[in-house]
């Protein structure tokens, strides 16, 4: 699930090594947004994905 934020983070690091500042900022921004989105989805699935004991599962 965190494959895409890590991919964009890796792109940002590689672009930073080679000195492409514009690509670094864009890829790092995308990685931050995707990471926050996945954390929010994880928390939501943790709370809403649980089943009650009385449901028979």
Protein backbone atom coordinates (compact mmCIF):
# COMPACT_ATOMS: atom_id res chain seq x y z
CA UNK A 1 0.00 0.00 0.00
CA UNK A 2 2.88 2.32 0.67
CA UNK A 3 4.62 1.36 -2.55
CA UNK A 4 3.75 4.57 -4.42
CA UNK A 5 4.84 7.08 -1.73
CA UNK A 6 8.11 5.18 -1.37
CA UNK A 7 8.54 5.19 -5.16
CA UNK A 8 8.05 8.96 -5.36
CA UNK A 9 10.39 9.43 -2.38
CA UNK A 10 13.03 7.40 -4.19
CA UNK A 11 12.51 9.49 -7.34
CA UNK A 12 12.92 12.65 -5.26
CA UNK A 13 16.15 11.38 -3.70
CA UNK A 14 17.63 10.35 -7.05
CA UNK A 15 16.62 13.64 -8.66
CA UNK A 16 18.15 15.51 -5.71
CA UNK A 17 21.44 13.70 -6.19
CA UNK A 18 21.53 14.77 -9.83
CA UNK A 19 20.41 18.34 -9.04
CA UNK A 20 16.94 18.50 -10.57
CA UNK A 21 15.28 20.79 -8.02
CA UNK A 22 11.89 21.01 -9.74
CA UNK A 23 11.48 17.27 -9.94
CA UNK A 24 12.57 16.91 -6.32
CA UNK A 25 9.87 19.25 -5.07
CA UNK A 26 7.17 17.69 -7.22
CA UNK A 27 8.01 14.09 -6.33
CA UNK A 28 8.43 14.87 -2.63
CA UNK A 29 5.07 16.66 -2.60
CA UNK A 30 3.33 13.74 -4.27
CA UNK A 31 4.96 11.32 -1.82
CA UNK A 32 3.77 13.38 1.15
CA UNK A 33 0.20 13.56 -0.14
CA UNK A 34 0.04 9.84 -0.89
CA UNK A 35 1.54 8.94 2.49
CA UNK A 36 -1.03 11.04 4.37
CA UNK A 37 -3.83 9.62 2.24
CA UNK A 38 -2.77 6.04 2.96
CA UNK A 39 -2.43 6.74 6.68
CA UNK A 40 -5.97 8.17 6.76
CA UNK A 41 -7.30 5.16 4.85
CA UNK A 42 -5.49 2.79 7.23
CA UNK A 43 -7.00 4.47 10.29
CA UNK A 44 -10.47 4.46 8.72
CA UNK A 45 -10.23 0.79 7.80
CA UNK A 46 -8.98 -0.04 11.29
CA UNK A 47 -12.04 1.52 12.93
CA UNK A 48 -14.73 0.70 10.37
CA UNK A 49 -13.39 -2.68 9.25
CA UNK A 50 -13.88 -4.41 12.58
CA UNK A 51 -16.85 -6.68 13.08
CA UNK A 52 -18.84 -7.02 16.26
CA UNK A 53 -18.81 -10.28 18.21
CA UNK A 54 -22.57 -10.69 17.86
CA UNK A 55 -22.47 -10.84 14.05
CA UNK A 56 -21.48 -14.51 14.06
CA UNK A 57 -17.98 -14.19 12.57
